Structures are given as C-alpha cells and as structure tokens.
N, C-alpha and C. Protein backbone atom coordinates (compact mmCIF):
# COMPACT_ATOMS: atom_id res chain seq x y z
N MET A 1 0.81 -1.03 0.04
CA MET A 1 0.00 -0.01 -0.11
C MET A 1 0.89 1.42 0.04
N PHE A 2 1.81 1.45 0.74
CA PHE A 2 2.59 2.62 1.01
C PHE A 2 3.91 2.46 -0.34
N GLY A 3 4.24 1.27 -0.60
CA GLY A 3 5.30 1.07 -1.60
C GLY A 3 6.77 1.11 -1.01
N ILE A 4 7.78 1.27 -1.80
CA ILE A 4 8.90 1.16 -1.44
C ILE A 4 9.49 2.51 -1.58
N PRO A 5 10.33 2.94 -0.61
CA PRO A 5 10.74 4.55 -0.63
C PRO A 5 11.56 4.52 -2.11
N VAL A 6 11.39 5.71 -2.69
CA VAL A 6 12.16 5.98 -3.77
C VAL A 6 13.39 6.89 -3.33
N MET A 7 14.55 6.34 -4.00
CA MET A 7 15.79 6.99 -4.06
C MET A 7 15.67 8.52 -4.21
N LYS A 8 16.13 9.34 -3.37
CA LYS A 8 15.94 10.90 -3.70
C LYS A 8 17.64 11.14 -3.44
N LEU A 9 17.73 12.51 -4.04
CA LEU A 9 19.12 13.24 -3.90
C LEU A 9 18.78 14.58 -3.47
N ALA A 10 19.32 14.95 -2.48
CA ALA A 10 19.52 16.33 -1.89
C ALA A 10 21.04 16.67 -2.02
N VAL A 11 20.84 18.14 -2.30
CA VAL A 11 22.37 18.78 -2.40
C VAL A 11 22.41 19.73 -1.17
N ILE A 12 23.29 19.62 -0.30
CA ILE A 12 23.47 20.34 0.89
C ILE A 12 24.92 20.93 0.83
N GLY A 13 25.17 22.09 0.76
CA GLY A 13 26.35 22.72 0.68
C GLY A 13 27.24 22.27 -0.41
N GLY A 14 26.69 22.12 -1.67
CA GLY A 14 27.51 21.64 -2.72
C GLY A 14 27.85 20.01 -2.47
N VAL A 15 27.41 19.26 -1.71
CA VAL A 15 27.79 17.96 -1.65
C VAL A 15 26.30 17.09 -1.69
N GLY A 16 26.41 16.17 -2.71
CA GLY A 16 25.25 15.27 -2.80
C GLY A 16 25.07 14.34 -1.65
N VAL A 17 23.87 14.28 -1.17
CA VAL A 17 23.49 13.08 -0.29
C VAL A 17 22.42 12.23 -0.79
N ALA A 18 22.58 10.98 -0.84
CA ALA A 18 21.62 10.09 -1.40
C ALA A 18 21.17 9.05 -0.54
N ALA A 19 19.84 8.66 -0.49
CA ALA A 19 19.26 7.65 0.29
C ALA A 19 19.63 6.48 -0.51
N PHE A 20 20.69 5.49 -0.35
CA PHE A 20 20.92 4.45 -0.82
C PHE A 20 20.19 3.30 -1.21
N ALA A 21 20.14 2.63 -2.28
CA ALA A 21 19.31 1.67 -2.88
C ALA A 21 19.15 0.45 -1.74
N VAL A 22 20.32 0.36 -1.21
CA VAL A 22 20.39 -0.84 -0.04
C VAL A 22 19.37 -0.19 1.05
N LEU A 23 19.06 0.94 1.41
CA LEU A 23 18.22 1.33 2.48
C LEU A 23 16.63 0.94 1.96
N ALA A 24 16.41 1.54 0.78
CA ALA A 24 15.09 0.86 0.18
C ALA A 24 14.75 -0.51 0.07
N HIS A 25 15.95 -1.29 -0.32
CA HIS A 25 15.77 -2.67 -0.28
C HIS A 25 15.61 -3.18 1.22
N GLN A 26 16.34 -2.99 2.13
CA GLN A 26 16.30 -3.29 3.49
C GLN A 26 14.70 -2.97 4.19
N ASN A 27 14.45 -1.64 3.76
CA ASN A 27 12.94 -1.30 4.29
C ASN A 27 11.68 -2.02 3.45
N ALA A 28 12.23 -2.65 2.45
CA ALA A 28 11.13 -3.38 1.60
C ALA A 28 10.58 -4.64 2.39
N GLY A 29 11.55 -5.18 3.00
CA GLY A 29 11.25 -6.57 3.85
C GLY A 29 10.23 -5.99 5.08
N ALA A 30 10.53 -4.97 5.75
CA ALA A 30 9.78 -4.26 6.72
C ALA A 30 8.42 -4.04 6.47
N ALA A 31 8.12 -3.39 5.23
CA ALA A 31 6.92 -2.97 4.37
C ALA A 31 6.02 -4.27 4.43
N GLN A 32 6.63 -5.30 4.02
CA GLN A 32 5.81 -6.43 4.04
C GLN A 32 5.21 -7.12 5.34
N SER A 33 6.22 -6.98 6.35
CA SER A 33 5.60 -7.46 7.61
C SER A 33 4.84 -6.50 8.44
N ASN A 34 4.82 -5.42 8.21
CA ASN A 34 4.19 -4.41 9.17
C ASN A 34 3.50 -2.99 8.22
N PRO A 35 2.82 -3.28 7.17
CA PRO A 35 2.48 -2.31 6.24
C PRO A 35 1.81 -1.07 7.03
N GLN A 36 1.23 -1.32 8.14
CA GLN A 36 0.57 0.00 8.80
C GLN A 36 1.44 0.76 9.78
N CYS A 37 2.68 0.45 9.73
CA CYS A 37 3.69 1.29 10.58
C CYS A 37 4.46 2.11 9.80
N ALA A 38 3.94 3.09 9.13
CA ALA A 38 4.50 4.21 8.26
C ALA A 38 4.60 5.32 8.30
N PHE A 39 5.99 6.00 8.15
CA PHE A 39 6.11 7.54 8.55
C PHE A 39 6.82 8.31 7.42
N THR A 40 6.81 9.60 7.54
CA THR A 40 7.39 10.41 6.57
C THR A 40 8.52 11.16 7.36
N VAL A 41 9.69 11.31 6.84
CA VAL A 41 10.80 11.97 7.28
C VAL A 41 10.59 13.33 7.34
N ASN A 42 10.78 14.03 8.60
CA ASN A 42 10.51 15.54 8.62
C ASN A 42 11.95 16.25 9.11
N ALA A 43 12.72 15.88 8.34
CA ALA A 43 14.32 16.55 8.58
C ALA A 43 14.85 16.51 7.20
N ASP A 44 15.84 17.56 7.14
CA ASP A 44 16.38 17.62 5.73
C ASP A 44 17.07 16.53 5.62
N VAL A 45 18.02 15.88 6.40
CA VAL A 45 18.60 14.56 6.49
C VAL A 45 18.57 13.94 7.74
N LEU A 46 18.06 12.83 7.84
CA LEU A 46 17.92 12.02 9.29
C LEU A 46 18.87 10.86 9.26
N ASN A 47 19.80 10.83 10.14
CA ASN A 47 20.62 9.69 10.50
C ASN A 47 19.94 8.52 10.63
N VAL A 48 20.21 7.41 10.28
CA VAL A 48 19.80 6.04 10.54
C VAL A 48 20.83 5.16 11.52
N ARG A 49 20.66 4.79 12.57
CA ARG A 49 21.81 4.45 13.42
C ARG A 49 21.49 2.82 13.69
N ALA A 50 22.61 2.24 14.17
CA ALA A 50 22.88 0.92 14.43
C ALA A 50 22.06 0.52 15.74
N GLY A 51 21.80 1.23 16.41
CA GLY A 51 21.04 1.15 17.67
C GLY A 51 20.35 2.43 18.11
N PRO A 52 19.53 2.44 19.25
CA PRO A 52 18.49 3.39 19.60
C PRO A 52 19.44 4.46 20.58
N SER A 53 20.19 5.03 20.13
CA SER A 53 21.13 6.07 20.71
C SER A 53 21.98 6.81 19.84
N THR A 54 22.40 8.07 20.09
CA THR A 54 23.07 8.98 19.56
C THR A 54 24.67 8.49 19.36
N ALA A 55 24.80 7.57 20.39
CA ALA A 55 26.01 6.94 20.55
C ALA A 55 26.42 5.86 19.53
N ASP A 56 25.42 5.21 18.88
CA ASP A 56 25.49 4.13 18.00
C ASP A 56 25.86 4.96 16.69
N ARG A 57 26.70 3.81 15.85
CA ARG A 57 27.10 4.57 14.63
C ARG A 57 26.03 4.79 13.62
N VAL A 58 26.29 5.61 12.76
CA VAL A 58 25.30 6.12 11.57
C VAL A 58 25.50 4.92 10.45
N VAL A 59 24.43 4.29 10.19
CA VAL A 59 24.34 3.22 9.20
C VAL A 59 23.84 3.72 7.75
N GLY A 60 23.19 4.83 7.77
CA GLY A 60 22.55 5.46 6.61
C GLY A 60 21.90 6.71 6.84
N ARG A 61 21.09 7.16 5.89
CA ARG A 61 20.65 8.41 5.99
C ARG A 61 19.15 8.48 5.19
N LEU A 62 18.21 9.24 5.60
CA LEU A 62 16.96 9.34 4.98
C LEU A 62 16.81 10.85 4.71
N VAL A 63 16.01 11.29 3.69
CA VAL A 63 15.97 12.77 3.37
C VAL A 63 14.38 13.02 3.70
N GLN A 64 14.15 14.34 3.77
CA GLN A 64 13.05 15.07 3.97
C GLN A 64 12.09 14.55 2.87
N ARG A 65 10.81 14.27 3.56
CA ARG A 65 9.54 13.93 2.74
C ARG A 65 9.85 12.29 2.29
N GLN A 66 10.93 11.56 2.70
CA GLN A 66 11.02 10.11 2.43
C GLN A 66 10.18 9.34 3.22
N ALA A 67 9.39 8.46 2.53
CA ALA A 67 8.49 7.41 3.11
C ALA A 67 9.39 6.28 3.99
N VAL A 68 8.86 5.85 4.81
CA VAL A 68 9.75 4.71 5.56
C VAL A 68 8.68 3.97 6.32
N VAL A 69 8.80 2.64 6.30
CA VAL A 69 7.96 1.71 7.08
C VAL A 69 9.00 1.29 8.33
N ALA A 70 8.33 1.15 9.65
CA ALA A 70 9.07 0.98 10.56
C ALA A 70 8.40 -0.26 11.31
N GLN A 71 8.94 -0.52 12.57
CA GLN A 71 8.36 -1.38 13.50
C GLN A 71 7.92 -0.65 14.80
N PRO A 72 6.82 -1.21 15.42
CA PRO A 72 6.34 -0.55 16.77
C PRO A 72 7.12 -0.26 17.58
N LEU A 73 8.40 -0.83 17.83
CA LEU A 73 9.18 -0.60 19.06
C LEU A 73 9.67 0.80 18.91
N VAL A 74 9.64 1.33 20.06
CA VAL A 74 10.38 2.72 20.43
C VAL A 74 11.19 2.57 21.64
N ARG A 75 12.38 2.86 21.54
CA ARG A 75 13.47 2.75 22.67
C ARG A 75 14.26 4.07 22.70
N ASN A 76 14.27 4.75 23.92
CA ASN A 76 15.10 5.77 24.05
C ASN A 76 14.88 6.97 23.08
N GLY A 77 13.55 7.19 22.56
CA GLY A 77 13.32 8.17 21.68
C GLY A 77 13.83 7.76 20.28
N PHE A 78 14.03 6.72 20.03
CA PHE A 78 14.26 5.96 18.48
C PHE A 78 13.27 4.87 18.15
N ARG A 79 12.85 5.14 17.06
CA ARG A 79 12.13 3.73 16.32
C ARG A 79 12.83 2.94 15.67
N GLN A 80 12.55 1.63 15.81
CA GLN A 80 13.32 0.72 15.20
C GLN A 80 12.51 0.48 13.75
N LEU A 81 13.56 0.64 12.71
CA LEU A 81 13.09 0.62 11.50
C LEU A 81 12.84 -0.93 11.04
N ASP A 82 14.21 -1.46 11.09
CA ASP A 82 14.22 -3.04 11.07
C ASP A 82 15.11 -3.50 12.05
N GLY A 83 15.50 -4.69 11.95
CA GLY A 83 16.41 -5.44 13.16
C GLY A 83 17.53 -4.50 13.50
N THR A 84 18.34 -3.84 12.76
CA THR A 84 19.40 -3.18 13.19
C THR A 84 19.52 -1.69 12.67
N ARG A 85 18.48 -1.08 12.32
CA ARG A 85 18.26 0.22 11.94
C ARG A 85 17.43 1.06 12.84
N TRP A 86 17.82 2.34 13.41
CA TRP A 86 17.02 3.05 14.40
C TRP A 86 16.96 4.39 13.66
N ALA A 87 15.96 5.07 13.94
CA ALA A 87 15.83 6.61 13.55
C ALA A 87 15.19 7.27 14.66
N SER A 88 15.64 8.60 15.06
CA SER A 88 15.00 9.41 16.09
C SER A 88 13.61 9.62 15.56
N VAL A 89 12.44 9.49 16.67
CA VAL A 89 11.02 9.69 16.52
C VAL A 89 10.81 11.31 16.26
N ASP A 90 11.67 12.13 16.69
CA ASP A 90 11.42 13.58 16.74
C ASP A 90 11.37 13.83 15.17
N TYR A 91 11.76 13.09 14.25
CA TYR A 91 11.69 13.59 12.95
C TYR A 91 10.96 12.35 11.97
N LEU A 92 10.09 11.85 12.74
CA LEU A 92 9.28 10.88 11.79
C LEU A 92 7.55 11.15 12.18
N VAL A 93 7.08 11.55 11.06
CA VAL A 93 5.92 11.92 11.26
C VAL A 93 4.87 10.91 10.71
N ALA A 94 3.93 10.39 11.44
CA ALA A 94 3.12 9.29 11.18
C ALA A 94 2.35 9.59 9.81
N ALA A 95 2.16 8.70 9.01
CA ALA A 95 1.75 8.61 7.93
C ALA A 95 0.15 8.28 7.83
N SER A 96 -0.76 8.87 6.81
CA SER A 96 -2.05 8.50 6.92
C SER A 96 -2.48 7.01 7.06
N GLY A 97 -3.16 6.79 7.94
CA GLY A 97 -3.67 5.30 8.15
C GLY A 97 -2.75 4.65 8.88
N ASN A 98 -1.74 5.13 9.56
CA ASN A 98 -0.72 4.59 10.47
C ASN A 98 -1.52 4.19 11.76
N THR A 99 -1.31 2.68 11.90
CA THR A 99 -1.74 2.31 13.37
C THR A 99 -0.59 1.69 14.31
N CYS A 100 0.62 2.33 13.90
CA CYS A 100 1.72 1.81 14.99
C CYS A 100 1.82 2.74 16.14
C-alpha cells in the first residue's frame, strides 16, 4: 500500500547526499511484515543508526519527505526501522492510516 521508498538526492552545501538503494531494499522487507507502521521523514537529513542512541554509529541516512516503514518498537526516543536500523522519533511523522 505505501510502496518502497524511492531514492532521492538532496544537495546540501554542494555535496550530494543520497538515500542509498540498499536502504530501500532493507526497508522493503519491513513493508511486507508491518505495512501499517508508516512514517514520513521531517528533517533535511535524518541519520539512521545501528542502535537506539546517538552514541550508536550512523549506518545510513533518510531525506526529507521520504516514506519509511518501521516497527512498533520505540526505545530511548528512537523507532526501530528494522532489526539493526533506528531513527529518532522526533523526525518521523505518522503517515495517513498509521496504526503503529
């Protein structure tokens, strides 16, 4: 219903920042397992981390208005996107029809 996020390119200070295809691929599995837990990114660039903390390493990035499917689990202000990817809830806006 919400589909797979499309790769987008944003230019910030002359440096291109891309949401890599691997993120879309990883997120595709989550979309099939929990289609009602959908969000839109509300930040220019949102770091995706290896765990639910700013101390965890950055493993990817999402861009503004990008659709993302997540899991219901929230820990320390971070929502689990899938098994090893987390993003701050402060920059995720619930999509229409979200039951998460």
